[in-house]
Protein backbone atom coordinates (compact mmCIF):
# COMPACT_ATOMS: atom_id res chain seq x y z
CA MET A 1 -27.34 65.39 75.83
CA GLN A 2 -23.50 65.85 75.01
CA GLU A 3 -21.10 63.54 76.59
CA THR A 4 -19.59 66.88 77.95
CA THR A 5 -22.54 67.96 79.59
CA PHE A 6 -23.04 64.56 81.07
CA PHE A 7 -19.77 63.96 82.57
CA SER A 8 -19.85 67.70 84.04
CA GLN A 9 -23.00 67.03 85.82
CA ILE A 10 -22.22 63.70 87.15
CA LEU A 11 -18.62 64.91 88.24
CA GLY A 12 -19.85 68.37 89.39
CA ILE A 13 -17.53 70.37 87.41
CA THR A 14 -18.71 74.04 87.15
CA ARG A 15 -17.55 77.66 86.18
CA PRO A 16 -14.62 78.63 85.32
CA TRP A 17 -14.03 74.93 84.70
CA PHE A 18 -15.21 73.02 81.84
CA ILE A 19 -14.80 69.70 80.16
CA SER A 20 -13.23 70.40 76.84
CA LYS A 21 -13.27 66.74 75.53
CA VAL A 22 -13.97 63.30 76.41
CA ILE A 23 -12.26 60.12 74.97
CA LEU A 24 -14.16 57.03 75.30
CA ASP A 25 -12.49 53.68 74.67
CA LYS A 26 -14.35 50.66 74.90
CA GLU A 27 -11.96 48.22 73.74
CA LYS A 28 -9.70 49.34 76.80
CA GLN A 29 -12.57 49.93 79.02
CA ARG A 30 -11.43 53.45 79.59
CA VAL A 31 -12.61 56.97 79.75
CA ASP A 32 -10.41 60.07 79.56
CA ILE A 33 -11.88 63.40 80.62
CA TYR A 34 -9.80 66.79 79.68
CA VAL A 35 -10.77 69.68 82.16
CA GLU A 36 -9.75 73.11 81.22
CA HIS A 37 -10.58 76.59 82.57
CA SER A 38 -12.04 79.84 81.23
CA ALA A 39 -9.19 82.34 79.78
CA ASP A 40 -10.34 85.36 81.59
CA PHE A 41 -10.85 83.95 85.08
CA ALA A 42 -8.63 85.23 88.04
CA PHE A 43 -7.80 82.77 90.68
CA PRO A 44 -7.62 83.35 94.47
CA CYS A 45 -3.85 83.24 95.91
CA PRO A 46 -3.53 80.26 98.10
CA GLU A 47 -2.06 82.29 100.95
CA CYS A 48 -4.01 85.51 100.82
CA GLN A 49 -7.11 84.82 98.91
CA GLN A 50 -6.58 87.80 96.68
CA LEU A 51 -7.80 87.40 93.14
CA CYS A 52 -4.74 87.14 90.60
CA SER A 53 -4.33 86.59 87.03
CA VAL A 54 -2.82 83.16 85.57
CA TYR A 55 0.81 83.48 85.25
CA ASP A 56 1.33 79.93 83.27
CA HIS A 57 0.41 76.20 83.89
CA THR A 58 1.75 73.21 85.01
CA LYS A 59 2.54 70.08 83.00
CA GLU A 60 -0.60 68.10 82.31
CA ARG A 61 -1.63 65.54 85.47
CA GLU A 62 -3.44 62.73 85.19
CA PHE A 63 -6.00 61.61 88.12
CA ARG A 64 -7.66 58.15 88.51
CA HIS A 65 -11.11 58.64 89.36
CA LEU A 66 -13.98 56.35 90.38
CA ASN A 67 -15.17 54.17 87.44
CA VAL A 68 -18.18 55.56 85.41
CA CYS A 69 -20.34 52.52 83.95
CA GLN A 70 -17.74 50.19 85.12
CA MET A 71 -14.95 51.80 82.97
CA ALA A 72 -11.65 53.22 84.48
CA THR A 73 -12.02 56.92 84.36
CA PHE A 74 -9.03 59.37 84.21
CA ILE A 75 -9.11 63.38 84.70
CA HIS A 76 -6.76 65.41 82.85
CA VAL A 77 -5.90 69.03 83.64
CA ARG A 78 -3.09 71.55 83.51
CA LEU A 79 -3.19 73.40 86.66
CA PRO A 80 -2.52 77.12 86.55
CA ARG A 81 -0.06 79.13 88.54
CA ILE A 82 -1.12 82.55 89.57
CA GLU A 83 1.23 85.61 89.97
CA CYS A 84 0.40 87.23 93.45
CA SER A 85 1.76 90.91 94.33
CA GLU A 86 2.68 89.94 97.66
CA HIS A 87 3.46 86.13 97.62
CA GLY A 88 4.72 85.65 94.05
CA VAL A 89 3.99 82.84 91.72
CA LYS A 90 1.89 80.20 93.39
CA GLN A 91 0.15 77.09 91.94
CA ILE A 92 -3.35 76.84 92.99
CA ILE A 93 -4.81 73.86 94.69
CA SER A 94 -6.89 71.64 92.37
CA GLY A 95 -9.17 69.94 95.14
CA LEU A 96 -8.77 66.70 92.73
CA GLY A 97 -6.19 64.79 95.01
CA ASP A 98 -2.92 65.41 97.00
CA GLU A 99 -0.27 67.26 95.28
CA LYS A 100 1.95 64.14 94.69
CA SER A 101 -1.08 61.61 94.34
CA SER A 102 -2.06 60.35 91.15
CA MET A 103 -5.51 59.52 92.27
CA THR A 104 -8.54 61.71 93.15
CA TYR A 105 -9.50 61.85 96.82
CA GLU A 106 -12.57 59.72 96.23
CA PHE A 107 -10.62 57.09 94.33
CA GLU A 108 -7.88 56.82 97.02
CA SER A 109 -10.91 56.78 99.72
CA PHE A 110 -12.24 53.90 97.67
CA VAL A 111 -8.94 52.08 97.69
CA ILE A 112 -8.76 52.31 101.37
CA ASP A 113 -12.07 50.86 101.77
CA VAL A 114 -11.09 47.90 99.65
CA GLN A 115 -7.52 47.39 101.50
CA LYS A 116 -9.75 46.95 104.77
CA GLU A 117 -11.12 43.96 103.42
CA CYS A 118 -8.83 42.26 100.92
CA SER A 119 -5.07 41.69 100.25
CA THR A 120 -2.64 44.02 98.40
CA GLU A 121 -2.76 41.46 95.51
CA SER A 122 -6.56 41.17 95.37
CA VAL A 123 -6.77 45.12 95.53
CA CYS A 124 -4.47 45.58 92.58
CA ARG A 125 -6.42 42.72 90.61
CA LEU A 126 -9.76 44.30 91.38
CA LEU A 127 -8.97 47.78 90.89
CA ASP A 128 -6.45 47.36 88.17
CA ILE A 129 -3.62 49.37 89.80
CA GLY A 130 -0.28 48.51 90.17
CA TRP A 131 1.45 46.85 93.37
CA HIS A 132 3.73 49.95 94.35
CA THR A 133 0.79 52.45 93.81
CA CYS A 134 -1.57 50.30 96.22
CA TRP A 135 1.24 50.07 98.94
CA GLY A 136 1.83 53.55 98.27
CA VAL A 137 -1.85 54.41 99.22
CA MET A 138 -1.65 52.27 102.46
CA GLU A 139 1.60 54.25 103.54
CA ASP A 140 0.43 57.56 102.69
CA ALA A 141 -2.94 56.46 104.88
CA VAL A 142 -0.88 55.49 107.76
CA GLY A 143 1.25 58.42 107.64
CA ARG A 144 -1.76 61.10 107.61
CA GLY A 145 -3.36 59.01 110.29
CA GLN A 146 -0.21 59.07 112.52
CA ALA A 147 0.29 62.76 111.91
CA ARG A 148 -3.45 63.50 113.08
CA LYS A 149 -3.33 61.32 115.88
CA PRO A 150 -3.08 63.04 119.41
CA HIS A 151 0.53 62.75 121.06
CA LYS A 152 -0.49 61.22 124.19
CA ILE A 153 0.26 57.90 126.13
CA PRO A 154 -2.70 55.88 127.35
CA GLU A 155 -3.68 55.56 130.94
CA ARG A 156 -4.20 51.80 130.58
CA ILE A 157 -1.72 50.07 128.05
CA GLY A 158 -0.84 46.46 127.13
CA VAL A 159 2.53 45.28 126.34
CA ASP A 160 3.23 41.91 124.04
CA GLU A 161 4.87 40.45 121.45
CA LYS A 162 3.89 39.13 118.04
CA SER A 163 6.05 36.79 115.83
CA PHE A 164 7.29 38.55 112.51
CA SER A 165 8.45 35.42 110.73
CA LYS A 166 9.95 31.85 111.61
CA GLY A 167 12.89 31.61 113.71
CA HIS A 168 12.09 33.71 116.65
CA HIS A 169 11.73 37.05 115.00
CA TYR A 170 9.32 39.21 117.08
CA GLU A 171 8.13 42.59 117.08
CA THR A 172 7.00 44.57 120.45
CA LEU A 173 3.35 45.72 120.41
CA VAL A 174 1.97 48.41 122.70
CA TYR A 175 -1.58 48.98 122.69
CA ASP A 176 -4.38 51.24 124.35
CA VAL A 177 -6.58 48.97 126.49
CA ASP A 178 -9.29 51.20 126.40
CA GLY A 179 -9.23 52.56 122.75
CA SER A 180 -8.68 48.94 121.42
CA THR A 181 -6.09 50.39 119.35
CA VAL A 182 -2.17 49.45 118.54
CA GLU A 183 -0.06 52.53 119.47
CA TYR A 184 3.49 51.19 118.94
CA VAL A 185 5.09 48.51 117.00
CA GLY A 186 8.82 47.92 117.89
CA ASP A 187 11.68 45.79 116.23
CA LYS A 188 12.43 42.87 118.38
CA ARG A 189 11.14 42.10 121.88
CA ASP A 190 13.98 43.58 124.03
CA GLN A 191 14.36 46.28 126.66
CA LYS A 192 15.47 48.90 123.88
CA SER A 193 12.36 48.29 121.91
CA LEU A 194 9.72 49.12 124.60
CA GLU A 195 12.10 51.97 126.05
CA SER A 196 11.75 53.51 122.48
CA TYR A 197 7.97 53.73 122.92
CA TYR A 198 8.29 55.42 126.56
CA LYS A 199 11.00 57.92 125.33
CA GLN A 200 8.39 59.83 123.11
CA PHE A 201 6.83 61.02 126.26
CA SER A 202 7.99 63.45 129.17
CA LEU A 203 8.14 62.34 132.54
CA GLU A 204 4.78 64.05 133.19
CA GLU A 205 3.05 62.52 130.43
CA ARG A 206 4.48 59.04 131.59
CA LYS A 207 3.18 59.83 135.12
CA GLN A 208 -0.49 59.44 133.82
CA VAL A 209 -0.14 55.76 133.25
CA LYS A 210 -2.46 53.89 135.81
CA SER A 211 -1.81 50.32 134.73
CA ILE A 212 0.18 48.01 132.44
CA ALA A 213 -0.60 44.63 131.27
CA MET A 214 2.22 42.33 130.22
CA ASP A 215 3.59 38.95 130.60
CA MET A 216 6.62 37.98 132.60
CA TRP A 217 9.12 38.91 130.22
CA ASP A 218 12.07 40.49 131.99
CA PRO A 219 13.06 43.01 129.25
CA PHE A 220 9.62 44.43 129.27
CA ILE A 221 9.53 44.55 133.11
CA ALA A 222 12.96 46.51 133.14
CA ALA A 223 11.95 48.92 130.45
CA THR A 224 8.76 49.60 132.31
CA LYS A 225 10.24 50.22 135.57
CA ALA A 226 12.95 52.47 134.16
CA TYR A 227 10.46 54.99 132.66
CA ILE A 228 7.21 54.58 134.38
CA PRO A 229 6.96 56.28 137.79
CA GLU A 230 5.82 53.76 140.55
CA ALA A 231 5.85 50.96 138.02
CA GLU A 232 5.82 48.21 140.80
CA LYS A 233 2.34 49.30 141.66
CA LYS A 234 0.92 49.55 138.07
CA ILE A 235 2.25 46.37 136.33
CA THR A 236 -0.13 43.68 136.11
CA PHE A 237 1.21 40.30 134.96
CA ASP A 238 -1.66 38.95 132.54
CA ARG A 239 -3.57 36.16 133.41
CA TYR A 240 -3.34 34.28 130.13
CA HIS A 241 0.45 34.33 130.47
CA VAL A 242 0.27 33.18 134.30
CA MET A 243 -2.18 30.28 133.35
CA ARG A 244 -0.03 29.47 130.21
CA LEU A 245 2.98 28.83 132.49
CA VAL A 246 1.04 26.15 134.63
CA VAL A 247 -0.68 24.82 131.54
CA ASP A 248 2.86 24.07 129.86
CA ALA A 249 3.80 22.34 133.29
CA VAL A 250 0.60 20.22 132.86
CA ASP A 251 1.69 19.19 129.57
CA LYS A 252 5.33 18.29 130.70
CA VAL A 253 3.83 16.28 133.23
CA ARG A 254 1.70 14.49 130.54
CA LYS A 255 4.68 13.77 128.30
CA GLN A 256 6.55 12.22 131.14
CA GLU A 257 4.08 9.98 132.48
CA HIS A 258 3.07 8.90 128.86
CA ARG A 259 6.90 7.96 128.11
CA LEU A 260 6.95 5.84 131.11
CA LEU A 261 3.75 4.07 130.61
CA ALA A 262 4.44 3.71 126.95
CA GLU A 263 7.72 1.78 128.12
CA GLN A 264 5.39 -0.46 129.92
CA GLY A 265 3.24 -1.25 126.80
CA ASN A 266 0.37 1.04 128.24
CA GLU A 267 -0.70 3.73 125.37
CA ILE A 268 -3.78 5.25 127.54
CA LEU A 269 -2.55 8.75 127.46
CA LYS A 270 -2.18 8.52 123.65
CA GLY A 271 -3.63 11.32 121.65
CA THR A 272 -5.01 12.86 124.85
CA LYS A 273 -3.10 16.10 124.98
CA TYR A 274 -5.61 18.44 124.59
CA LEU A 275 -8.06 16.77 127.10
CA TRP A 276 -5.73 18.07 129.94
CA LEU A 277 -4.98 21.38 128.29
CA TRP A 278 -8.62 22.38 127.57
CA ASN A 279 -10.70 23.93 130.37
CA GLU A 280 -13.50 22.09 131.73
CA GLU A 281 -16.14 23.94 129.51
CA ASN A 282 -14.09 23.74 126.51
CA ILE A 283 -13.95 19.92 126.47
CA PRO A 284 -16.10 18.71 123.38
CA GLU A 285 -18.95 16.50 124.14
CA TYR A 286 -17.83 13.67 122.06
CA ARG A 287 -14.70 13.20 124.17
CA ARG A 288 -16.32 13.89 127.59
CA ALA A 289 -16.78 10.40 128.50
CA GLU A 290 -13.39 9.54 127.47
CA PHE A 291 -12.02 12.21 129.85
CA ASP A 292 -14.18 11.21 132.74
CA ARG A 293 -12.64 7.76 132.34
CA LEU A 294 -9.11 8.99 132.38
CA ARG A 295 -10.04 11.40 135.38
CA SER A 296 -11.23 8.53 137.44
CA LEU A 297 -7.70 6.72 137.22
CA ASP A 298 -4.69 7.29 139.49
CA LEU A 299 -2.60 9.23 137.03
CA LYS A 300 -0.10 11.89 137.95
CA VAL A 301 -1.51 14.11 135.04
CA CYS A 302 -4.86 14.06 136.70
CA ARG A 303 -3.44 15.82 139.83
CA ALA A 304 -1.60 18.15 137.63
CA ARG A 305 -4.87 19.16 135.82
CA ALA A 306 -6.55 19.46 139.25
CA ILE A 307 -3.79 22.11 140.35
CA LYS A 308 -4.05 23.97 137.09
CA ASP A 309 -7.88 24.32 137.30
CA ASN A 310 -7.94 25.54 140.83
CA LEU A 311 -5.50 28.10 140.04
CA ARG A 312 -8.33 29.72 137.73
CA HIS A 313 -9.99 30.90 140.93
CA LEU A 314 -7.42 33.29 141.85
CA TRP A 315 -8.78 36.03 139.67
CA GLU A 316 -12.43 35.67 141.27
CA TYR A 317 -11.07 37.54 144.32
CA GLN A 318 -11.71 41.15 144.68
CA LYS A 319 -8.75 42.30 147.09
CA GLU A 320 -5.12 41.71 146.92
CA GLY A 321 -5.13 40.29 150.48
CA TRP A 322 -7.56 37.61 149.55
CA MET A 323 -5.81 36.94 146.28
CA ARG A 324 -2.47 36.28 148.36
CA ARG A 325 -3.91 34.19 151.10
CA TYR A 326 -5.52 31.79 148.29
CA PHE A 327 -2.37 31.69 146.23
CA THR A 328 -0.44 30.46 149.79
CA ARG A 329 -2.75 27.55 150.06
CA TRP A 330 -2.54 26.82 146.16
CA TYR A 331 1.08 26.88 146.36
CA PHE A 332 1.57 24.57 149.32
CA TRP A 333 -0.52 21.94 147.10
CA ALA A 334 1.65 22.61 144.05
CA THR A 335 4.92 22.32 145.64
CA HIS A 336 3.89 19.21 147.43
CA SER A 337 2.51 17.53 144.71
CA ARG A 338 5.78 15.84 144.10
CA LEU A 339 5.34 16.78 140.21
CA LYS A 340 8.79 18.81 139.27
CA PRO A 341 7.31 20.72 136.26
CA MET A 342 4.39 21.91 138.73
CA ILE A 343 6.76 22.71 141.50
CA LYS A 344 9.00 24.65 139.13
CA ALA A 345 5.89 26.81 137.92
CA ALA A 346 4.38 27.49 141.05
CA LYS A 347 7.82 28.84 142.44
CA SER A 348 8.22 30.92 139.15
CA LEU A 349 4.74 32.43 140.00
CA LYS A 350 5.67 33.07 143.71
CA SER A 351 8.61 35.25 142.53
CA HIS A 352 6.24 37.36 140.47
CA LEU A 353 3.32 37.35 142.94
CA ASP A 354 3.21 41.04 143.83
CA ASN A 355 2.34 42.06 140.16
CA ILE A 356 -0.09 39.11 139.57
CA VAL A 357 -2.03 40.18 142.68
CA THR A 358 -2.31 43.85 141.27
CA TYR A 359 -5.16 42.65 139.25
CA ALA A 360 -7.43 43.12 142.09
CA ARG A 361 -6.54 46.53 142.07
CA HIS A 362 -6.21 47.35 138.09
CA ARG A 363 -8.88 44.53 136.73
CA ILE A 364 -6.70 44.41 133.55
CA THR A 365 -5.56 41.68 131.43
CA ASN A 366 -4.02 41.08 127.66
CA ALA A 367 -7.09 39.69 126.53
CA LEU A 368 -7.29 42.68 124.07
CA GLY A 369 -3.77 41.99 123.07
CA GLU A 370 -4.65 38.32 121.95
CA SER A 371 -7.56 39.67 120.04
CA ILE A 372 -5.36 42.14 118.33
CA ASN A 373 -2.78 39.29 117.46
CA SER A 374 -5.52 37.21 115.88
CA LYS A 375 -6.30 40.20 113.55
CA ILE A 376 -2.64 40.48 112.76
CA GLU A 377 -2.40 36.89 112.07
CA LYS A 378 -5.35 37.26 109.68
CA VAL A 379 -3.53 40.00 108.10
CA LYS A 380 -0.51 37.93 107.61
CA ARG A 381 -2.57 35.17 106.08
CA LEU A 382 -4.00 37.64 103.25
CA ALA A 383 -0.55 38.49 102.59
CA CYS A 384 1.08 35.07 102.77
CA GLY A 385 3.40 36.59 105.15
CA TYR A 386 5.84 39.62 105.14
CA ARG A 387 9.64 39.62 104.07
CA ASN A 388 9.75 43.40 104.82
CA ARG A 389 9.59 44.49 108.55
CA ASN A 390 8.35 47.85 107.49
CA HIS A 391 5.57 46.66 105.38
CA TYR A 392 4.75 44.47 108.27
CA LYS A 393 4.34 47.32 110.72
CA THR A 394 2.64 49.40 108.00
CA ALA A 395 0.01 46.79 107.83
CA ILE A 396 -0.47 46.53 111.53
CA TYR A 397 -1.11 50.43 111.85
CA PHE A 398 -3.36 50.25 109.09
CA HIS A 399 -5.65 47.50 110.33
CA CYS A 400 -5.11 47.98 114.07
CA GLY A 401 -3.96 51.54 114.69
CA GLY A 402 -7.36 53.19 114.99
CA LEU A 403 -6.21 55.80 112.54
CA ASP A 404 -8.04 58.46 110.48
CA LEU A 405 -6.77 56.86 107.24
CA TYR A 406 -8.80 58.88 104.64
CA PRO A 407 -7.61 62.13 102.63
CA ARG A 408 -9.18 65.33 103.36
CA ARG A 409 -10.11 67.80 100.67
CA LYS A 410 -8.36 71.08 100.70
CA ALA A 411 -9.88 74.56 99.78
CA ALA A 412 -9.55 74.33 96.11
CA ALA A 413 -10.27 75.73 92.52
CA PHE A 414 -12.71 72.96 91.92
CA GLN A 415 -13.95 69.64 93.31
CA VAL A 416 -15.17 66.38 91.97
CA MET A 417 -18.20 64.36 93.19
CA ASN A 418 -18.71 60.79 93.20
CA PRO A 419 -20.13 59.54 89.83
């Protein structure tokens, strides 16, 4: 079998197109395939589909295709332009790849598949493509995915922040709780950054929001109250962040007590930080005896931990009234504990109680947000961090946006199959 016939069959090239020549370079591990068309063939106008004669040809274009026999494969073609009596001179659509792309649809889709699993640097090495080319594929994929995505605000949304780099540089994340996707990434974590997301939607669209999970960050609260109707009834402060406030208070109590005991030569609390921060079920078995011994002692941190552990029961109640009554009892205990960090944390929670107990109505948390944050952190590690904010955002949308990333073949003069 001649090589032109072989490649015509595996690439699916049919009349009026044919392979004029194939150049195989074993040393460079490269195959170049040149495609031409019959001279007497009339092509349909891209606008009206009327058959028209060829006017001229464009400059030769080179498309990277999927490897054949582990060799980099390139398709060369000069696309004809036709002259339509109604629409004038038009270039036909090749069906190989997008107009500005140097890749076939098949190869670009393969690059996207590999990008989902590897860092950009690894993709470049494995597929032998340049960094800018690889990153351009990701940007194009995110762009087309966002263009295809329906313009609507989710009924249940979560708001969180994610660090961009060291030095308290943050991005605002808005995600769809039910769809498990990142909907928006905004610069910084101030009021304007979240307002920029809400402004994309009309008042009628924003009325469709049923609940918003967030932490107790005043700029996020202010932005939501300014743009979401009846936000006071829809905001639910996330359980994780509520407990984080109390957990931090427990750690402060431990530090203060450890400092006082150390001055007396008692190092009993040295190295016990996480024993007081872990939940009961998460304490490792090999440290269980140590924890039980410490808990039997008359330590301030023991009381602080008991207060923290009891707050966890707040989210077991099904009605707001029951949650309020339980919190009242817990608040009395915390504020009479004579532990200043616990008293401060309890008072802070009381000032936000109205939007803590809305959990009973909406049953929504930022657990998904923490999961997405973990995925974003993995993406950052793969890239060894990001210096460019726009690249960081693009990577988040690519991996966590739930977008339709792949190119779609247009109606064309010919198309190429996978080898």
